[in-house]
Protein backbone atom coordinates (compact mmCIF):
# COMPACT_ATOMS: atom_id res chain seq x y z
CA MET A 1 17.52 1.40 -9.67
CA LEU A 2 15.50 1.14 -6.48
CA GLN A 3 11.82 0.36 -6.53
CA ASP A 4 9.24 1.00 -3.89
CA LYS A 5 8.52 -2.03 -1.67
CA SER A 6 4.79 -1.83 -2.34
CA HIS A 7 5.45 -1.87 -6.11
CA ILE A 8 7.62 -5.00 -5.80
CA VAL A 9 5.04 -6.69 -3.57
CA ALA A 10 2.31 -5.87 -6.09
CA GLN A 11 4.38 -7.33 -8.95
CA LEU A 12 5.12 -10.50 -7.02
CA SER A 13 1.49 -10.85 -6.01
CA SER A 14 0.44 -10.53 -9.63
CA LYS A 15 2.99 -13.13 -10.71
CA GLU A 16 1.81 -15.43 -7.92
CA LYS A 17 -1.78 -15.23 -9.18
CA VAL A 18 -0.71 -15.98 -12.75
CA LEU A 19 1.39 -18.95 -11.65
CA ALA A 20 -1.39 -20.30 -9.42
CA GLU A 21 -3.75 -20.14 -12.39
CA GLU A 22 -1.21 -21.95 -14.57
CA VAL A 23 -0.84 -24.69 -11.95
CA THR A 24 -4.62 -25.07 -11.80
CA ASN A 25 -4.84 -25.32 -15.59
CA LEU A 26 -2.02 -27.85 -15.75
CA SER A 27 -3.71 -29.91 -13.05
CA LYS A 28 -6.93 -29.95 -15.09
CA LYS A 29 -5.00 -30.97 -18.21
CA GLN A 30 -3.27 -33.74 -16.26
CA LYS A 31 -6.61 -35.13 -15.04
CA PHE A 32 -8.03 -34.96 -18.58
CA LEU A 33 -5.02 -36.75 -20.08
CA GLU A 34 -5.08 -39.40 -17.36
CA LYS A 35 -8.74 -40.07 -18.13
CA GLN A 36 -8.00 -40.21 -21.87
CA ALA A 37 -5.19 -42.73 -21.24
CA SER A 38 -7.41 -44.82 -19.01
CA ASP A 39 -10.20 -44.81 -21.60
CA ALA A 40 -7.77 -45.75 -24.38
CA GLN A 41 -6.38 -48.57 -22.26
CA GLY A 42 -9.92 -49.85 -21.67
CA HIS A 43 -10.70 -49.73 -25.39
CA MET A 44 -7.51 -51.63 -26.21
CA ARG A 45 -8.38 -54.24 -23.60
CA ASP A 46 -11.85 -54.65 -25.13
CA ILE A 47 -10.37 -54.99 -28.63
CA PHE A 48 -7.89 -57.66 -27.56
CA ARG A 49 -10.55 -59.59 -25.67
CA GLY A 50 -12.73 -59.52 -28.76
CA VAL A 51 -9.89 -60.82 -30.90
CA GLU A 52 -9.14 -63.56 -28.38
CA ALA A 53 -12.81 -64.56 -28.32
CA GLN A 54 -12.88 -64.73 -32.13
CA GLN A 55 -9.74 -66.84 -32.21
CA ALA A 56 -11.14 -69.18 -29.55
CA ALA A 57 -14.39 -69.51 -31.50
CA GLN A 58 -12.51 -70.28 -34.72
CA ALA A 59 -10.32 -72.86 -32.97
CA SER A 60 -13.37 -74.73 -31.71
C-alpha cells in the first residue's frame, strides 16, 4: 500500500508537533517536581533544626 509523499510528510509533521508538546509538558512537570522536592527538603531541614534546638535547650 503506497501513500503519497505529502500525506506521509503531513502525518510525520503532526506527530512531531504532538511529541514536541509532550516534551514541553514533561519539562514543565519535571521543573514542578524538582521545586516540590526542594521545598520538601527545606521543610525537613527546618523541622530537624527545630528538634535539635529543642533538645539542646532541654539539655541545658
